[in-house]
Amino acid sequence: MMRLSVILHRYIWMPWALLTLAALVYATMFFLRPPPPLRFLGAAAHPSVVHVGENVTVTYHTIRKRSCASTVVRGWVDPIGSIVMRFPQTYGGVGRLGEQKNKVIVPAPDAPGFYCLRMVTHHQCGAAEYDIAAPEACLEVTP
C-alpha cells in the first residue's frame, strides 16, 4: 500500500490539469458565442397622436457592435397583442459601428385606437444567429 505523501506527490498535477481543461472549455464557449451585434436603448414614435392614414416617424436608439447580415420584421399591434398591420421584411445590417439613432417612416394603422410598432431583427453573424426584439414605439390613432 502506497503512503499518502507518495500518492500526493505523484498525482498532484491532476486537479490542476482538470481546472485548466475546464477554463479552456469555458473560454472556447465564450469566444464562439460573442454578444449580439446590436443593442436597442429605446424607441419613440413621432408624433404620438396621428390621424388615420398619416405617416409616423419611429426613432430607434441603438448601439451597433459589429455589422452582420440582418432581416427586419415589423408591424403594428393592438393592446392585446394582435397584429393589425404587417410590413414587408427589410434587409440590411451594414452600417457604422457605435451609438446611433435610426429613423423609419411607416404609415399609421387604418383604424382609430392605440397601437404599438413591434420590431424584431434577425442577425446572421457567421455561425451565430440572433433574434433581437426592439422596444415598442406606441401611438394613438384618431379619426
C-alpha atoms as a PDB file:
ATOM      1  CA  MET A   1       0.000   0.000   0.000  1.00  0.00           C
ATOM      2  CA  MET A   2       1.320   3.416  -1.006  1.00  0.00           C
ATOM      3  CA  ARG A   3       1.767   6.144   1.538  1.00  0.00           C
ATOM      4  CA  LEU A   4      -0.386   9.263   1.227  1.00  0.00           C
ATOM      5  CA  SER A   5       2.610  11.516   0.656  1.00  0.00           C
ATOM      6  CA  VAL A   6       3.694   9.402  -2.337  1.00  0.00           C
ATOM      7  CA  ILE A   7       0.204   9.488  -3.843  1.00  0.00           C
ATOM      8  CA  LEU A   8       0.020  13.271  -3.448  1.00  0.00           C
ATOM      9  CA  HIS A   9       3.477  13.685  -4.901  1.00  0.00           C
ATOM     10  CA  ARG A  10       2.646  11.586  -7.982  1.00  0.00           C
ATOM     11  CA  TYR A  11      -0.835  12.861  -8.745  1.00  0.00           C
ATOM     12  CA  ILE A  12      -0.881  16.493  -7.563  1.00  0.00           C
ATOM     13  CA  TRP A  13      -0.948  17.662 -11.201  1.00  0.00           C
ATOM     14  CA  MET A  14      -4.364  16.079 -11.905  1.00  0.00           C
ATOM     15  CA  PRO A  15      -6.589  18.701 -10.198  1.00  0.00           C
ATOM     16  CA  TRP A  16      -4.616  21.478 -11.904  1.00  0.00           C
ATOM     17  CA  ALA A  17      -4.970  19.746 -15.264  1.00  0.00           C
ATOM     18  CA  LEU A  18      -8.752  19.416 -14.773  1.00  0.00           C
ATOM     19  CA  LEU A  19      -9.023  23.055 -13.728  1.00  0.00           C
ATOM     20  CA  THR A  20      -7.027  24.160 -16.789  1.00  0.00           C
ATOM     21  CA  LEU A  21      -9.180  21.999 -19.069  1.00  0.00           C
ATOM     22  CA  ALA A  22     -12.392  23.464 -17.609  1.00  0.00           C
ATOM     23  CA  ALA A  23     -11.061  27.009 -18.095  1.00  0.00           C
ATOM     24  CA  LEU A  24     -10.188  26.263 -21.726  1.00  0.00           C
ATOM     25  CA  VAL A  25     -13.651  24.834 -22.417  1.00  0.00           C
ATOM     26  CA  TYR A  26     -15.325  27.879 -20.836  1.00  0.00           C
ATOM     27  CA  ALA A  27     -13.124  30.309 -22.772  1.00  0.00           C
ATOM     28  CA  THR A  28     -13.808  28.468 -26.037  1.00  0.00           C
ATOM     29  CA  MET A  29     -17.572  28.602 -25.445  1.00  0.00           C
ATOM     30  CA  PHE A  30     -17.369  32.300 -24.594  1.00  0.00           C
ATOM     31  CA  PHE A  31     -15.456  33.212 -27.745  1.00  0.00           C
ATOM     32  CA  LEU A  32     -17.565  31.014 -30.031  1.00  0.00           C
ATOM     33  CA  ARG A  33     -20.760  32.796 -28.962  1.00  0.00           C
ATOM     34  CA  PRO A  34     -19.967  36.517 -28.857  1.00  0.00           C
ATOM     35  CA  PRO A  35     -22.585  39.016 -27.643  1.00  0.00           C
ATOM     36  CA  PRO A  36     -25.324  40.205 -30.032  1.00  0.00           C
ATOM     37  CA  PRO A  37     -24.268  42.681 -32.726  1.00  0.00           C
ATOM     38  CA  LEU A  38     -26.977  45.225 -31.870  1.00  0.00           C
ATOM     39  CA  ARG A  39     -28.490  46.556 -28.654  1.00  0.00           C
ATOM     40  CA  PHE A  40     -31.597  48.715 -28.504  1.00  0.00           C
ATOM     41  CA  LEU A  41     -31.635  51.518 -25.964  1.00  0.00           C
ATOM     42  CA  GLY A  42     -35.077  52.890 -26.785  1.00  0.00           C
ATOM     43  CA  ALA A  43     -37.756  53.661 -29.358  1.00  0.00           C
ATOM     44  CA  ALA A  44     -40.185  56.538 -29.827  1.00  0.00           C
ATOM     45  CA  ALA A  45     -42.956  57.387 -32.307  1.00  0.00           C
ATOM     46  CA  HIS A  46     -43.268  60.991 -33.514  1.00  0.00           C
ATOM     47  CA  PRO A  47     -45.906  62.361 -33.343  1.00  0.00           C
ATOM     48  CA  SER A  48     -47.520  60.253 -30.606  1.00  0.00           C
ATOM     49  CA  VAL A  49     -51.028  61.138 -31.813  1.00  0.00           C
ATOM     50  CA  VAL A  50     -51.829  60.895 -35.545  1.00  0.00           C
ATOM     51  CA  HIS A  51     -54.849  60.717 -37.828  1.00  0.00           C
ATOM     52  CA  VAL A  52     -55.745  57.643 -39.854  1.00  0.00           C
ATOM     53  CA  GLY A  53     -53.549  57.397 -42.968  1.00  0.00           C
ATOM     54  CA  GLU A  54     -50.786  59.735 -41.796  1.00  0.00           C
ATOM     55  CA  ASN A  55     -47.147  58.737 -41.676  1.00  0.00           C
ATOM     56  CA  VAL A  56     -45.308  58.179 -38.409  1.00  0.00           C
ATOM     57  CA  THR A  57     -41.579  58.602 -37.825  1.00  0.00           C
ATOM     58  CA  VAL A  58     -40.207  55.993 -35.436  1.00  0.00           C
ATOM     59  CA  THR A  59     -36.752  56.626 -33.990  1.00  0.00           C
ATOM     60  CA  TYR A  60     -34.689  53.716 -32.636  1.00  0.00           C
ATOM     61  CA  HIS A  61     -31.726  54.450 -30.389  1.00  0.00           C
ATOM     62  CA  THR A  62     -29.172  51.649 -30.842  1.00  0.00           C
ATOM     63  CA  ILE A  63     -25.591  50.595 -30.240  1.00  0.00           C
ATOM     64  CA  ARG A  64     -24.074  48.540 -33.069  1.00  0.00           C
ATOM     65  CA  LYS A  65     -21.072  46.449 -32.056  1.00  0.00           C
ATOM     66  CA  ARG A  66     -20.450  44.785 -35.431  1.00  0.00           C
ATOM     67  CA  SER A  67     -22.033  44.540 -38.870  1.00  0.00           C
ATOM     68  CA  CYS A  68     -23.858  41.333 -39.751  1.00  0.00           C
ATOM     69  CA  ALA A  69     -26.483  40.482 -42.354  1.00  0.00           C
ATOM     70  CA  SER A  70     -29.933  41.120 -40.892  1.00  0.00           C
ATOM     71  CA  THR A  71     -33.612  40.781 -41.633  1.00  0.00           C
ATOM     72  CA  VAL A  72     -36.125  43.125 -40.009  1.00  0.00           C
ATOM     73  CA  VAL A  73     -39.775  42.223 -39.421  1.00  0.00           C
ATOM     74  CA  ARG A  74     -42.116  44.908 -38.092  1.00  0.00           C
ATOM     75  CA  GLY A  75     -45.808  45.541 -37.710  1.00  0.00           C
ATOM     76  CA  TRP A  76     -48.461  47.408 -35.739  1.00  0.00           C
ATOM     77  CA  VAL A  77     -50.035  45.521 -32.831  1.00  0.00           C
ATOM     78  CA  ASP A  78     -53.099  46.437 -30.773  1.00  0.00           C
ATOM     79  CA  PRO A  79     -53.205  46.481 -26.943  1.00  0.00           C
ATOM     80  CA  ILE A  80     -53.965  42.750 -26.724  1.00  0.00           C
ATOM     81  CA  GLY A  81     -51.006  41.865 -28.971  1.00  0.00           C
ATOM     82  CA  SER A  82     -52.818  41.009 -32.205  1.00  0.00           C
ATOM     83  CA  ILE A  83     -51.039  42.051 -35.392  1.00  0.00           C
ATOM     84  CA  VAL A  84     -53.069  44.752 -37.128  1.00  0.00           C
ATOM     85  CA  MET A  85     -50.738  45.674 -39.987  1.00  0.00           C
ATOM     86  CA  ARG A  86     -47.554  43.861 -41.059  1.00  0.00           C
ATOM     87  CA  PHE A  87     -44.844  45.471 -43.186  1.00  0.00           C
ATOM     88  CA  PRO A  88     -42.654  43.674 -45.725  1.00  0.00           C
ATOM     89  CA  GLN A  89     -39.334  42.320 -44.459  1.00  0.00           C
ATOM     90  CA  THR A  90     -36.361  44.574 -44.963  1.00  0.00           C
ATOM     91  CA  TYR A  91     -32.744  43.502 -45.214  1.00  0.00           C
ATOM     92  CA  GLY A  92     -29.638  45.252 -44.007  1.00  0.00           C
ATOM     93  CA  GLY A  93     -27.222  45.099 -41.125  1.00  0.00           C
ATOM     94  CA  VAL A  94     -24.417  47.066 -42.702  1.00  0.00           C
ATOM     95  CA  GLY A  95     -23.804  50.387 -41.055  1.00  0.00           C
ATOM     96  CA  ARG A  96     -21.428  52.348 -38.960  1.00  0.00           C
ATOM     97  CA  LEU A  97     -20.477  50.991 -35.573  1.00  0.00           C
ATOM     98  CA  GLY A  98     -21.256  52.703 -32.292  1.00  0.00           C
ATOM     99  CA  GLU A  99     -24.232  54.561 -30.896  1.00  0.00           C
ATOM    100  CA  GLN A 100     -26.758  55.867 -33.410  1.00  0.00           C
ATOM    101  CA  LYS A 101     -30.370  56.891 -33.925  1.00  0.00           C
ATOM    102  CA  ASN A 102     -32.186  55.317 -36.870  1.00  0.00           C
ATOM    103  CA  LYS A 103     -35.418  56.775 -38.229  1.00  0.00           C
ATOM    104  CA  VAL A 104     -38.082  54.737 -40.008  1.00  0.00           C
ATOM    105  CA  ILE A 105     -41.184  56.270 -41.626  1.00  0.00           C
ATOM    106  CA  VAL A 106     -44.237  53.991 -41.600  1.00  0.00           C
ATOM    107  CA  PRO A 107     -47.950  54.588 -42.274  1.00  0.00           C
ATOM    108  CA  ALA A 108     -50.307  54.674 -39.298  1.00  0.00           C
ATOM    109  CA  PRO A 109     -52.917  51.899 -38.931  1.00  0.00           C
ATOM    110  CA  ASP A 110     -56.218  52.267 -40.787  1.00  0.00           C
ATOM    111  CA  ALA A 111     -58.498  52.290 -37.736  1.00  0.00           C
ATOM    112  CA  PRO A 112     -58.616  54.595 -34.696  1.00  0.00           C
ATOM    113  CA  GLY A 113     -57.124  53.213 -31.492  1.00  0.00           C
ATOM    114  CA  PHE A 114     -53.934  52.706 -29.520  1.00  0.00           C
ATOM    115  CA  TYR A 115     -51.166  50.787 -31.326  1.00  0.00           C
ATOM    116  CA  CYS A 116     -47.520  49.859 -30.848  1.00  0.00           C
ATOM    117  CA  LEU A 117     -44.948  49.183 -33.545  1.00  0.00           C
ATOM    118  CA  ARG A 118     -43.283  45.844 -32.787  1.00  0.00           C
ATOM    119  CA  MET A 119     -39.978  45.062 -34.481  1.00  0.00           C
ATOM    120  CA  VAL A 120     -37.702  42.006 -34.389  1.00  0.00           C
ATOM    121  CA  THR A 121     -34.307  41.865 -36.085  1.00  0.00           C
ATOM    122  CA  HIS A 122     -32.724  38.554 -37.076  1.00  0.00           C
ATOM    123  CA  HIS A 123     -28.921  38.726 -37.424  1.00  0.00           C
ATOM    124  CA  GLN A 124     -26.675  36.133 -39.087  1.00  0.00           C
ATOM    125  CA  CYS A 125     -23.087  36.616 -37.832  1.00  0.00           C
ATOM    126  CA  GLY A 126     -21.007  33.764 -39.149  1.00  0.00           C
ATOM    127  CA  ALA A 127     -22.271  30.599 -37.460  1.00  0.00           C
ATOM    128  CA  ALA A 128     -24.181  32.515 -34.762  1.00  0.00           C
ATOM    129  CA  GLU A 129     -27.773  33.699 -35.160  1.00  0.00           C
ATOM    130  CA  TYR A 130     -29.508  36.295 -33.001  1.00  0.00           C
ATOM    131  CA  ASP A 131     -33.145  37.399 -32.748  1.00  0.00           C
ATOM    132  CA  ILE A 132     -33.313  40.811 -31.076  1.00  0.00           C
ATOM    133  CA  ALA A 133     -36.621  42.451 -30.177  1.00  0.00           C
ATOM    134  CA  ALA A 134     -36.737  46.238 -30.239  1.00  0.00           C
ATOM    135  CA  PRO A 135     -38.665  48.247 -27.651  1.00  0.00           C
ATOM    136  CA  GLU A 136     -42.178  49.044 -28.826  1.00  0.00           C
ATOM    137  CA  ALA A 137     -42.977  52.542 -30.067  1.00  0.00           C
ATOM    138  CA  CYS A 138     -46.614  53.320 -29.242  1.00  0.00           C
ATOM    139  CA  LEU A 139     -49.049  55.929 -30.515  1.00  0.00           C
ATOM    140  CA  GLU A 140     -52.718  56.833 -30.659  1.00  0.00           C
ATOM    141  CA  VAL A 141     -54.557  56.956 -33.975  1.00  0.00           C
ATOM    142  CA  THR A 142     -57.559  59.305 -34.187  1.00  0.00           C
ATOM    143  CA  PRO A 143     -60.193  59.517 -36.945  1.00  0.00           C
END
